Amino acid sequence: MLDMNETGKRNLPNPDTQGKKHSHQQHAGHDKHAGHSPAMFKRRFFICLALTLPVLYFAPSFQEWFNYQAIEFPGANWVTPIMRSSKKINNLVK
């Protein structure tokens, strides 16, 4: 829904305030990213990296692009689909 003023015209941003920094008081309601820490992001990064590397290694297109053959074992063709769906598992690790 559009933000309209009392005359029925659309409210447009004030060109005088565009590009200017806002005061810290305007952001007083924010929690300053409460609950976020560098350690949390680092942990999630390494979990995602560990889940991504096997997907890339076993992906047929990746093998074609880099001209290699992934190791073969019974069920190797299931690695990529299972690891791709591991995004749901990653959300549980939070």
Protein backbone atom coordinates (compact mmCIF):
# COMPACT_ATOMS: atom_id res chain seq x y z
CA MET A 1 0.00 0.00 0.00
CA LEU A 2 1.31 3.44 -0.89
CA ASP A 3 1.99 6.04 1.76
CA MET A 4 -0.37 8.91 0.91
CA ASN A 5 -0.77 12.34 2.45
CA GLU A 6 -4.07 14.08 3.17
CA THR A 7 -4.32 15.53 -0.36
CA GLY A 8 -4.25 12.04 -1.87
CA LYS A 9 -0.77 12.42 -3.31
CA ARG A 10 2.05 10.02 -2.66
CA ASN A 11 4.51 10.97 0.08
CA LEU A 12 7.96 11.27 -1.45
CA PRO A 13 11.24 11.31 0.48
CA ASN A 14 12.46 14.72 1.51
CA PRO A 15 15.43 15.56 -0.75
CA ASP A 16 16.96 17.64 2.05
CA THR A 17 17.44 14.57 4.26
CA GLN A 18 18.43 12.02 1.65
CA GLY A 19 21.99 10.81 1.98
CA LYS A 20 22.42 12.44 5.39
CA LYS A 21 23.24 10.42 8.46
CA HIS A 22 20.55 9.89 11.03
CA SER A 23 21.11 10.61 14.66
CA HIS A 24 21.68 7.77 17.09
CA GLN A 25 18.49 8.74 18.90
CA GLN A 26 16.44 7.72 15.85
CA HIS A 27 17.82 4.20 16.22
CA ALA A 28 17.33 3.94 19.97
CA GLY A 29 14.73 1.19 19.57
CA HIS A 30 17.21 -1.17 17.94
CA ASP A 31 18.94 -3.82 20.02
CA LYS A 32 22.34 -3.25 18.40
CA HIS A 33 22.17 -6.77 17.00
CA ALA A 34 21.54 -8.34 20.36
CA GLY A 35 22.51 -11.99 20.44
CA HIS A 36 24.88 -11.69 17.49
CA SER A 37 28.55 -12.29 18.04
CA PRO A 38 31.55 -12.85 15.77
CA ALA A 39 31.91 -16.35 17.22
CA MET A 40 28.37 -17.21 16.16
CA PHE A 41 29.00 -16.05 12.60
CA LYS A 42 32.36 -17.86 12.49
CA ARG A 43 30.73 -21.10 13.65
CA ARG A 44 27.94 -20.85 11.09
CA PHE A 45 30.47 -20.05 8.34
CA PHE A 46 32.47 -23.21 9.00
CA ILE A 47 29.33 -25.34 9.21
CA CYS A 48 28.18 -23.98 5.84
CA LEU A 49 31.64 -24.48 4.37
CA ALA A 50 31.75 -28.09 5.56
CA LEU A 51 28.35 -28.71 3.96
CA THR A 52 29.20 -26.91 0.71
CA LEU A 53 32.49 -28.57 -0.17
CA PRO A 54 31.10 -32.10 -0.66
CA VAL A 55 28.24 -30.73 -2.74
CA LEU A 56 30.69 -28.98 -5.04
CA TYR A 57 33.08 -31.95 -5.16
CA PHE A 58 30.39 -34.43 -6.21
CA ALA A 59 28.42 -32.07 -8.50
CA PRO A 60 28.59 -33.36 -12.09
CA SER A 61 28.82 -29.86 -13.58
CA PHE A 62 31.70 -28.96 -11.24
CA GLN A 63 33.53 -32.14 -12.26
CA GLU A 64 33.03 -31.24 -15.90
CA TRP A 65 34.22 -27.65 -15.49
CA PHE A 66 37.40 -28.61 -13.63
CA ASN A 67 37.96 -31.83 -15.59
CA TYR A 68 38.16 -34.37 -12.76
CA GLN A 69 36.29 -37.48 -11.66
CA ALA A 70 35.00 -37.66 -8.09
CA ILE A 71 35.67 -40.82 -6.16
CA GLU A 72 33.02 -43.45 -6.63
CA PHE A 73 31.45 -45.59 -3.95
CA PRO A 74 28.01 -47.12 -3.47
CA GLY A 75 25.63 -44.22 -2.88
CA ALA A 76 28.00 -41.50 -4.16
CA ASN A 77 25.23 -40.24 -6.43
CA TRP A 78 23.19 -39.46 -3.29
CA VAL A 79 25.80 -37.17 -1.68
CA THR A 80 24.84 -34.04 -3.61
CA PRO A 81 21.03 -34.28 -3.10
CA ILE A 82 21.40 -35.15 0.59
CA MET A 83 23.93 -32.42 1.30
CA ARG A 84 21.87 -29.86 -0.61
CA SER A 85 18.94 -30.57 1.67
CA SER A 86 21.19 -30.19 4.70
CA LYS A 87 20.28 -26.49 4.77
CA LYS A 88 17.38 -27.59 6.94
CA ILE A 89 19.82 -29.36 9.23
CA ASN A 90 21.98 -26.24 9.38
CA ASN A 91 18.99 -24.23 10.59
CA LEU A 92 18.61 -26.67 13.48
CA VAL A 93 22.23 -26.11 14.55
CA LYS A 94 21.61 -22.47 15.45
